Amino acid sequence: MTDQPSTSRARVEQPTWVGVDPGQDEMPRLALTRPRVVRTALRLVDEHGLSALTMRALATELQVSPMALYNHVRDKEELVDLMVDLMLGDVDLSAIGGDWATQMRALVCSFHQVLTAHPDLARVYSARVRIGPHGLRIMERGLRLLLQARFSPPDAADAFFALYTYTVGYHQIGHVDPRDYSALPPEQIPSITAVTDHLNGAHQHGRFEYGLDALLAGFHTIHSPWSPENKQVRPPQVTT
C-alpha cells in the first residue's frame, strides 16, 4: 500500500484549486431574506431571551450591517409580530376524530405546547400583538368548531375568548415560591396552610389540562344548540 496517487486514474476534469483565489475558498454567504431574518431572530430569543434581541445583535448573528435589516423589517416591533406569527405556525390545526370538545381540546393543548416552547414570546401577549395569518388560522379553526357545534355567534365568541385568555394568561404567571406565604402566620391562613404542598405554581404537570377540561365541561353544561331561526340567542339566566 502506498500514499502515492495512482498514475492510472483517468483525469476527466480540472480540480478546483484552493488558495488561487482566496475569495472563492469560503462558501457563498446566504442571501439576506425576510424569512431568514425572522427565523434567526426567533432562535436568538429562544436561546437568550427577548431582552437580548436587538437589531445590532441580530445583525451580528447574520453577519450583516444593522442597516441591512431594515430592508426586510420596519423595526423591532414588527419583527416581534413576525416572530409570534411564525411561532404560531407550529400549532396543529389538523382535524381529528371526536366531538367538538375533543377537537377543541386538541387545538388548545397544541397552542399551549407551542407557547411553552417559546416562553419569552408567550409573554408578549400581555401587550399588543398584531394578528398574522397563522394566528387567524387558529381563530378560524376554533370558531368553526364552536359554530359547527351550534353555538350562537355571540356564545361562540365568548367561548373562544374564554379559552384564548385562559391559555395565554396561563403563560403570564411566574413561579410561586411557597416561602411567599410567610407574610402571615399559619394560623391566619389555615386554608392556604392545608394545601401548601400543592401550591407549587400554575405550571405543575397536568394543571393546565385540569383547567381546560373544567372550561370545556362548563361549556357543555350551559350550551344550548342554536339555529338562525331560534330567536333565543342565549339561555335564560338562572336567578335565585
C-alpha atoms as a PDB file:
ATOM      1  CA  MET A   1       0.000   0.000   0.000  1.00  0.00           C
ATOM      2  CA  THR A   2       1.350   3.432  -0.853  1.00  0.00           C
ATOM      3  CA  ASP A   3       0.358   7.023  -0.191  1.00  0.00           C
ATOM      4  CA  GLN A   4       1.339   7.969  -3.711  1.00  0.00           C
ATOM      5  CA  PRO A   5      -1.553   8.841  -6.034  1.00  0.00           C
ATOM      6  CA  SER A   6      -2.351   6.357  -8.723  1.00  0.00           C
ATOM      7  CA  THR A   7      -0.987   7.367 -12.104  1.00  0.00           C
ATOM      8  CA  SER A   8      -3.536   5.180 -13.828  1.00  0.00           C
ATOM      9  CA  ARG A   9      -6.537   7.210 -12.670  1.00  0.00           C
ATOM     10  CA  ALA A  10      -8.202   8.998 -15.522  1.00  0.00           C
ATOM     11  CA  ARG A  11      -8.419  12.746 -15.102  1.00  0.00           C
ATOM     12  CA  VAL A  12     -11.669  13.806 -16.626  1.00  0.00           C
ATOM     13  CA  GLU A  13     -11.913  17.298 -15.184  1.00  0.00           C
ATOM     14  CA  GLN A  14      -9.730  20.004 -13.750  1.00  0.00           C
ATOM     15  CA  PRO A  15      -9.620  20.184  -9.941  1.00  0.00           C
ATOM     16  CA  THR A  16     -10.782  23.317  -8.169  1.00  0.00           C
ATOM     17  CA  TRP A  17      -7.541  24.591  -6.684  1.00  0.00           C
ATOM     18  CA  VAL A  18      -7.638  26.066  -3.195  1.00  0.00           C
ATOM     19  CA  GLY A  19      -5.901  29.356  -2.466  1.00  0.00           C
ATOM     20  CA  VAL A  20      -5.523  30.590  -6.022  1.00  0.00           C
ATOM     21  CA  ASP A  21      -8.415  32.982  -5.435  1.00  0.00           C
ATOM     22  CA  PRO A  22      -8.945  33.210  -1.650  1.00  0.00           C
ATOM     23  CA  GLY A  23     -12.296  34.871  -2.250  1.00  0.00           C
ATOM     24  CA  GLN A  24     -13.582  31.576  -3.633  1.00  0.00           C
ATOM     25  CA  ASP A  25     -12.406  29.453  -0.684  1.00  0.00           C
ATOM     26  CA  GLU A  26     -15.425  30.229   1.507  1.00  0.00           C
ATOM     27  CA  MET A  27     -18.964  29.006   0.980  1.00  0.00           C
ATOM     28  CA  PRO A  28     -21.208  31.626  -0.603  1.00  0.00           C
ATOM     29  CA  ARG A  29     -22.994  33.712   2.007  1.00  0.00           C
ATOM     30  CA  LEU A  30     -26.702  33.025   2.277  1.00  0.00           C
ATOM     31  CA  ALA A  31     -28.876  35.767   0.880  1.00  0.00           C
ATOM     32  CA  LEU A  32     -30.483  38.001   3.486  1.00  0.00           C
ATOM     33  CA  THR A  33     -34.226  37.487   3.233  1.00  0.00           C
ATOM     34  CA  ARG A  34     -37.199  38.356   5.416  1.00  0.00           C
ATOM     35  CA  PRO A  35     -37.821  34.696   6.419  1.00  0.00           C
ATOM     36  CA  ARG A  36     -34.143  34.230   7.323  1.00  0.00           C
ATOM     37  CA  VAL A  37     -34.161  37.396   9.446  1.00  0.00           C
ATOM     38  CA  VAL A  38     -37.287  36.309  11.337  1.00  0.00           C
ATOM     39  CA  ARG A  39     -36.195  32.686  11.855  1.00  0.00           C
ATOM     40  CA  THR A  40     -32.803  33.787  13.147  1.00  0.00           C
ATOM     41  CA  ALA A  41     -34.433  36.279  15.500  1.00  0.00           C
ATOM     42  CA  LEU A  42     -36.767  33.562  16.819  1.00  0.00           C
ATOM     43  CA  ARG A  43     -33.801  31.287  17.504  1.00  0.00           C
ATOM     44  CA  LEU A  44     -31.944  34.078  19.325  1.00  0.00           C
ATOM     45  CA  VAL A  45     -34.960  34.802  21.526  1.00  0.00           C
ATOM     46  CA  ASP A  46     -35.404  31.110  22.371  1.00  0.00           C
ATOM     47  CA  GLU A  47     -31.719  30.839  23.304  1.00  0.00           C
ATOM     48  CA  HIS A  48     -31.095  34.151  25.060  1.00  0.00           C
ATOM     49  CA  GLY A  49     -34.469  35.748  25.825  1.00  0.00           C
ATOM     50  CA  LEU A  50     -36.383  38.608  24.284  1.00  0.00           C
ATOM     51  CA  SER A  51     -34.405  41.226  26.221  1.00  0.00           C
ATOM     52  CA  ALA A  52     -31.235  40.110  24.417  1.00  0.00           C
ATOM     53  CA  LEU A  53     -32.733  40.707  20.985  1.00  0.00           C
ATOM     54  CA  THR A  54     -31.505  43.947  19.467  1.00  0.00           C
ATOM     55  CA  MET A  55     -31.151  44.837  15.835  1.00  0.00           C
ATOM     56  CA  ARG A  56     -27.378  45.029  16.340  1.00  0.00           C
ATOM     57  CA  ALA A  57     -27.219  41.561  17.943  1.00  0.00           C
ATOM     58  CA  LEU A  58     -29.355  40.127  15.163  1.00  0.00           C
ATOM     59  CA  ALA A  59     -27.187  41.768  12.512  1.00  0.00           C
ATOM     60  CA  THR A  60     -24.071  40.308  14.131  1.00  0.00           C
ATOM     61  CA  GLU A  61     -25.625  36.835  14.074  1.00  0.00           C
ATOM     62  CA  LEU A  62     -26.493  37.235  10.405  1.00  0.00           C
ATOM     63  CA  GLN A  63     -23.117  38.801   9.596  1.00  0.00           C
ATOM     64  CA  VAL A  64     -24.639  41.895   8.059  1.00  0.00           C
ATOM     65  CA  SER A  65     -24.793  45.547   8.977  1.00  0.00           C
ATOM     66  CA  PRO A  66     -27.711  46.622  11.206  1.00  0.00           C
ATOM     67  CA  MET A  67     -28.972  48.881   8.446  1.00  0.00           C
ATOM     68  CA  ALA A  68     -29.345  45.883   6.123  1.00  0.00           C
ATOM     69  CA  LEU A  69     -32.080  44.512   8.394  1.00  0.00           C
ATOM     70  CA  TYR A  70     -34.310  47.498   7.731  1.00  0.00           C
ATOM     71  CA  ASN A  71     -34.654  46.422   4.112  1.00  0.00           C
ATOM     72  CA  HIS A  72     -36.677  43.459   5.454  1.00  0.00           C
ATOM     73  CA  VAL A  73     -38.365  44.611   8.694  1.00  0.00           C
ATOM     74  CA  ARG A  74     -39.596  48.061   9.617  1.00  0.00           C
ATOM     75  CA  ASP A  75     -38.466  47.947  13.254  1.00  0.00           C
ATOM     76  CA  LYS A  76     -38.194  45.644  16.267  1.00  0.00           C
ATOM     77  CA  GLU A  77     -41.929  45.898  16.943  1.00  0.00           C
ATOM     78  CA  GLU A  78     -42.733  44.494  13.521  1.00  0.00           C
ATOM     79  CA  LEU A  79     -40.037  41.851  13.994  1.00  0.00           C
ATOM     80  CA  VAL A  80     -41.719  40.659  17.201  1.00  0.00           C
ATOM     81  CA  ASP A  81     -45.085  40.431  15.430  1.00  0.00           C
ATOM     82  CA  LEU A  82     -43.473  38.356  12.700  1.00  0.00           C
ATOM     83  CA  MET A  83     -41.761  36.060  15.213  1.00  0.00           C
ATOM     84  CA  VAL A  84     -45.005  35.488  17.116  1.00  0.00           C
ATOM     85  CA  ASP A  85     -46.862  34.539  13.962  1.00  0.00           C
ATOM     86  CA  LEU A  86     -44.027  32.284  12.807  1.00  0.00           C
ATOM     87  CA  MET A  87     -44.160  30.556  16.199  1.00  0.00           C
ATOM     88  CA  LEU A  88     -47.916  30.038  15.852  1.00  0.00           C
ATOM     89  CA  GLY A  89     -47.313  28.188  12.610  1.00  0.00           C
ATOM     90  CA  ASP A  90     -46.361  25.185  14.765  1.00  0.00           C
ATOM     91  CA  VAL A  91     -49.879  24.896  16.234  1.00  0.00           C
ATOM     92  CA  ASP A  92     -51.509  21.716  14.951  1.00  0.00           C
ATOM     93  CA  LEU A  93     -54.710  22.587  13.087  1.00  0.00           C
ATOM     94  CA  SER A  94     -55.336  19.153  11.622  1.00  0.00           C
ATOM     95  CA  ALA A  95     -58.767  17.633  12.042  1.00  0.00           C
ATOM     96  CA  ILE A  96     -59.138  14.660  14.386  1.00  0.00           C
ATOM     97  CA  GLY A  97     -61.999  12.394  15.344  1.00  0.00           C
ATOM     98  CA  GLY A  98     -64.383  13.034  18.194  1.00  0.00           C
ATOM     99  CA  ASP A  99     -66.920  15.672  19.150  1.00  0.00           C
ATOM    100  CA  TRP A 100     -66.291  19.423  19.107  1.00  0.00           C
ATOM    101  CA  ALA A 101     -64.941  19.425  22.673  1.00  0.00           C
ATOM    102  CA  THR A 102     -62.400  16.691  21.912  1.00  0.00           C
ATOM    103  CA  GLN A 103     -61.212  18.558  18.847  1.00  0.00           C
ATOM    104  CA  MET A 104     -61.133  21.870  20.693  1.00  0.00           C
ATOM    105  CA  ARG A 105     -59.110  20.316  23.496  1.00  0.00           C
ATOM    106  CA  ALA A 106     -56.513  19.090  20.984  1.00  0.00           C
ATOM    107  CA  LEU A 107     -56.316  22.541  19.379  1.00  0.00           C
ATOM    108  CA  VAL A 108     -55.914  24.399  22.669  1.00  0.00           C
ATOM    109  CA  CYS A 109     -53.373  21.889  24.007  1.00  0.00           C
ATOM    110  CA  SER A 110     -51.291  22.311  20.855  1.00  0.00           C
ATOM    111  CA  PHE A 111     -51.468  26.112  21.266  1.00  0.00           C
ATOM    112  CA  HIS A 112     -50.368  25.693  24.895  1.00  0.00           C
ATOM    113  CA  GLN A 113     -47.450  23.438  23.898  1.00  0.00           C
ATOM    114  CA  VAL A 114     -46.203  25.961  21.342  1.00  0.00           C
ATOM    115  CA  LEU A 115     -46.326  28.784  23.898  1.00  0.00           C
ATOM    116  CA  THR A 116     -44.495  26.549  26.378  1.00  0.00           C
ATOM    117  CA  ALA A 117     -41.730  26.003  23.823  1.00  0.00           C
ATOM    118  CA  HIS A 118     -41.276  29.767  23.365  1.00  0.00           C
ATOM    119  CA  PRO A 119     -41.784  31.260  26.862  1.00  0.00           C
ATOM    120  CA  ASP A 120     -40.450  34.755  26.153  1.00  0.00           C
ATOM    121  CA  LEU A 121     -42.661  35.232  23.121  1.00  0.00           C
ATOM    122  CA  ALA A 122     -45.622  33.737  25.007  1.00  0.00           C
ATOM    123  CA  ARG A 123     -45.354  36.653  27.452  1.00  0.00           C
ATOM    124  CA  VAL A 124     -45.583  39.158  24.605  1.00  0.00           C
ATOM    125  CA  TYR A 125     -49.336  38.508  24.636  1.00  0.00           C
ATOM    126  CA  SER A 126     -49.588  40.660  27.755  1.00  0.00           C
ATOM    127  CA  ALA A 127     -49.134  43.611  25.389  1.00  0.00           C
ATOM    128  CA  ARG A 128     -50.439  44.390  21.921  1.00  0.00           C
ATOM    129  CA  VAL A 129     -49.843  41.732  19.279  1.00  0.00           C
ATOM    130  CA  ARG A 130     -50.743  42.119  15.636  1.00  0.00           C
ATOM    131  CA  ILE A 131     -52.607  39.029  14.404  1.00  0.00           C
ATOM    132  CA  GLY A 132     -50.909  37.424  11.412  1.00  0.00           C
ATOM    133  CA  PRO A 133     -52.010  34.636   9.060  1.00  0.00           C
ATOM    134  CA  HIS A 134     -51.134  31.768  11.418  1.00  0.00           C
ATOM    135  CA  GLY A 135     -52.949  33.474  14.282  1.00  0.00           C
ATOM    136  CA  LEU A 136     -56.010  33.960  12.094  1.00  0.00           C
ATOM    137  CA  ARG A 137     -55.986  30.288  11.117  1.00  0.00           C
ATOM    138  CA  ILE A 138     -56.054  29.309  14.805  1.00  0.00           C
ATOM    139  CA  MET A 139     -59.004  31.629  15.399  1.00  0.00           C
ATOM    140  CA  GLU A 140     -60.799  30.303  12.329  1.00  0.00           C
ATOM    141  CA  ARG A 141     -60.308  26.696  13.410  1.00  0.00           C
ATOM    142  CA  GLY A 142     -61.565  27.315  16.946  1.00  0.00           C
ATOM    143  CA  LEU A 143     -64.578  29.388  15.949  1.00  0.00           C
ATOM    144  CA  ARG A 144     -65.528  26.931  13.214  1.00  0.00           C
ATOM    145  CA  LEU A 145     -65.636  24.106  15.766  1.00  0.00           C
ATOM    146  CA  LEU A 146     -67.923  26.128  18.016  1.00  0.00           C
ATOM    147  CA  LEU A 147     -70.237  27.247  15.229  1.00  0.00           C
ATOM    148  CA  GLN A 148     -70.444  23.714  13.860  1.00  0.00           C
ATOM    149  CA  ALA A 149     -71.439  22.624  17.371  1.00  0.00           C
ATOM    150  CA  ARG A 150     -74.322  25.108  17.046  1.00  0.00           C
ATOM    151  CA  PHE A 151     -73.064  27.721  19.444  1.00  0.00           C
ATOM    152  CA  SER A 152     -74.689  31.032  18.630  1.00  0.00           C
ATOM    153  CA  PRO A 153     -72.282  33.633  17.188  1.00  0.00           C
ATOM    154  CA  PRO A 154     -72.045  35.601  20.487  1.00  0.00           C
ATOM    155  CA  ASP A 155     -71.669  32.405  22.532  1.00  0.00           C
ATOM    156  CA  ALA A 156     -69.005  31.128  20.138  1.00  0.00           C
ATOM    157  CA  ALA A 157     -67.085  34.389  20.520  1.00  0.00           C
ATOM    158  CA  ASP A 158     -67.386  34.275  24.322  1.00  0.00           C
ATOM    159  CA  ALA A 159     -66.308  30.633  24.499  1.00  0.00           C
ATOM    160  CA  PHE A 160     -63.365  31.221  22.187  1.00  0.00           C
ATOM    161  CA  PHE A 161     -62.113  34.194  24.178  1.00  0.00           C
ATOM    162  CA  ALA A 162     -62.520  32.290  27.445  1.00  0.00           C
ATOM    163  CA  LEU A 163     -60.259  29.545  26.086  1.00  0.00           C
ATOM    164  CA  TYR A 164     -57.847  32.021  24.497  1.00  0.00           C
ATOM    165  CA  THR A 165     -57.422  34.207  27.577  1.00  0.00           C
ATOM    166  CA  TYR A 166     -57.093  31.152  29.829  1.00  0.00           C
ATOM    167  CA  THR A 167     -54.303  29.731  27.657  1.00  0.00           C
ATOM    168  CA  VAL A 168     -52.437  32.978  27.119  1.00  0.00           C
ATOM    169  CA  GLY A 169     -52.935  34.089  30.736  1.00  0.00           C
ATOM    170  CA  TYR A 170     -51.519  30.803  31.984  1.00  0.00           C
ATOM    171  CA  HIS A 171     -48.192  31.739  30.417  1.00  0.00           C
ATOM    172  CA  GLN A 172     -48.076  35.142  32.106  1.00  0.00           C
ATOM    173  CA  ILE A 173     -47.828  33.597  35.574  1.00  0.00           C
ATOM    174  CA  GLY A 174     -44.362  33.286  37.053  1.00  0.00           C
ATOM    175  CA  HIS A 175     -43.015  30.817  39.604  1.00  0.00           C
ATOM    176  CA  VAL A 176     -44.659  30.884  43.016  1.00  0.00           C
ATOM    177  CA  ASP A 177     -42.332  30.133  45.918  1.00  0.00           C
ATOM    178  CA  PRO A 178     -44.105  28.622  48.958  1.00  0.00           C
ATOM    179  CA  ARG A 179     -41.976  30.911  51.109  1.00  0.00           C
ATOM    180  CA  ASP A 180     -44.050  33.786  49.750  1.00  0.00           C
ATOM    181  CA  TYR A 181     -46.799  32.690  52.135  1.00  0.00           C
ATOM    182  CA  SER A 182     -44.740  33.704  55.162  1.00  0.00           C
ATOM    183  CA  ALA A 183     -46.154  37.234  55.224  1.00  0.00           C
ATOM    184  CA  LEU A 184     -48.837  35.999  57.628  1.00  0.00           C
ATOM    185  CA  PRO A 185     -48.603  33.407  60.429  1.00  0.00           C
ATOM    186  CA  PRO A 186     -50.058  29.943  59.564  1.00  0.00           C
ATOM    187  CA  GLU A 187     -52.966  30.342  61.979  1.00  0.00           C
ATOM    188  CA  GLN A 188     -54.249  33.299  59.930  1.00  0.00           C
ATOM    189  CA  ILE A 189     -54.151  31.380  56.649  1.00  0.00           C
ATOM    190  CA  PRO A 190     -55.367  27.886  57.593  1.00  0.00           C
ATOM    191  CA  SER A 191     -56.805  27.133  54.135  1.00  0.00           C
ATOM    192  CA  ILE A 192     -53.535  28.038  52.432  1.00  0.00           C
ATOM    193  CA  THR A 193     -51.580  26.041  55.002  1.00  0.00           C
ATOM    194  CA  ALA A 194     -53.791  22.983  54.406  1.00  0.00           C
ATOM    195  CA  VAL A 195     -52.914  22.870  50.704  1.00  0.00           C
ATOM    196  CA  THR A 196     -49.413  24.371  50.749  1.00  0.00           C
ATOM    197  CA  ASP A 197     -47.845  21.158  49.463  1.00  0.00           C
ATOM    198  CA  HIS A 198     -49.943  21.510  46.307  1.00  0.00           C
ATOM    199  CA  LEU A 199     -49.492  25.259  45.786  1.00  0.00           C
ATOM    200  CA  ASN A 200     -46.369  24.821  43.727  1.00  0.00           C
ATOM    201  CA  GLY A 201     -47.331  27.212  40.960  1.00  0.00           C
ATOM    202  CA  ALA A 202     -49.531  27.114  37.907  1.00  0.00           C
ATOM    203  CA  HIS A 203     -47.057  25.128  35.864  1.00  0.00           C
ATOM    204  CA  GLN A 204     -47.341  21.827  37.685  1.00  0.00           C
ATOM    205  CA  HIS A 205     -47.770  18.905  35.276  1.00  0.00           C
ATOM    206  CA  GLY A 206     -51.437  18.452  34.372  1.00  0.00           C
ATOM    207  CA  ARG A 207     -52.624  21.724  35.903  1.00  0.00           C
ATOM    208  CA  PHE A 208     -53.257  23.413  32.572  1.00  0.00           C
ATOM    209  CA  GLU A 209     -55.256  20.435  31.320  1.00  0.00           C
ATOM    210  CA  TYR A 210     -57.306  20.389  34.531  1.00  0.00           C
ATOM    211  CA  GLY A 211     -58.421  23.974  33.995  1.00  0.00           C
ATOM    212  CA  LEU A 212     -59.051  23.411  30.299  1.00  0.00           C
ATOM    213  CA  ASP A 213     -61.237  20.373  30.979  1.00  0.00           C
ATOM    214  CA  ALA A 214     -63.186  22.370  33.558  1.00  0.00           C
ATOM    215  CA  LEU A 215     -63.863  25.092  30.989  1.00  0.00           C
ATOM    216  CA  LEU A 216     -64.970  22.609  28.335  1.00  0.00           C
ATOM    217  CA  ALA A 217     -67.222  20.817  30.830  1.00  0.00           C
ATOM    218  CA  GLY A 218     -68.769  24.160  31.716  1.00  0.00           C
ATOM    219  CA  PHE A 219     -69.474  24.908  28.061  1.00  0.00           C
ATOM    220  CA  HIS A 220     -71.173  21.531  27.750  1.00  0.00           C
ATOM    221  CA  THR A 221     -73.381  22.383  30.725  1.00  0.00           C
ATOM    222  CA  ILE A 222     -74.537  25.808  29.553  1.00  0.00           C
ATOM    223  CA  HIS A 223     -74.568  25.137  25.810  1.00  0.00           C
ATOM    224  CA  SER A 224     -77.968  25.177  24.179  1.00  0.00           C
ATOM    225  CA  PRO A 225     -77.887  24.352  20.429  1.00  0.00           C
ATOM    226  CA  TRP A 226     -78.685  27.433  18.393  1.00  0.00           C
ATOM    227  CA  SER A 227     -80.069  27.966  14.926  1.00  0.00           C
ATOM    228  CA  PRO A 228     -80.727  31.191  12.993  1.00  0.00           C
ATOM    229  CA  GLU A 229     -84.464  30.549  13.274  1.00  0.00           C
ATOM    230  CA  ASN A 230     -84.255  30.330  17.048  1.00  0.00           C
ATOM    231  CA  LYS A 231     -84.950  33.778  18.489  1.00  0.00           C
ATOM    232  CA  GLN A 232     -83.392  32.832  21.796  1.00  0.00           C
ATOM    233  CA  VAL A 233     -79.699  33.573  21.325  1.00  0.00           C
ATOM    234  CA  ARG A 234     -78.607  32.766  24.868  1.00  0.00           C
ATOM    235  CA  PRO A 235     -80.145  30.507  27.511  1.00  0.00           C
ATOM    236  CA  PRO A 236     -82.109  32.360  30.207  1.00  0.00           C
ATOM    237  CA  GLN A 237     -80.113  33.500  33.226  1.00  0.00           C
ATOM    238  CA  VAL A 238     -80.595  31.439  36.367  1.00  0.00           C
ATOM    239  CA  THR A 239     -81.933  33.517  39.223  1.00  0.00           C
ATOM    240  CA  THR A 240     -82.173  32.689  42.897  1.00  0.00           C
END
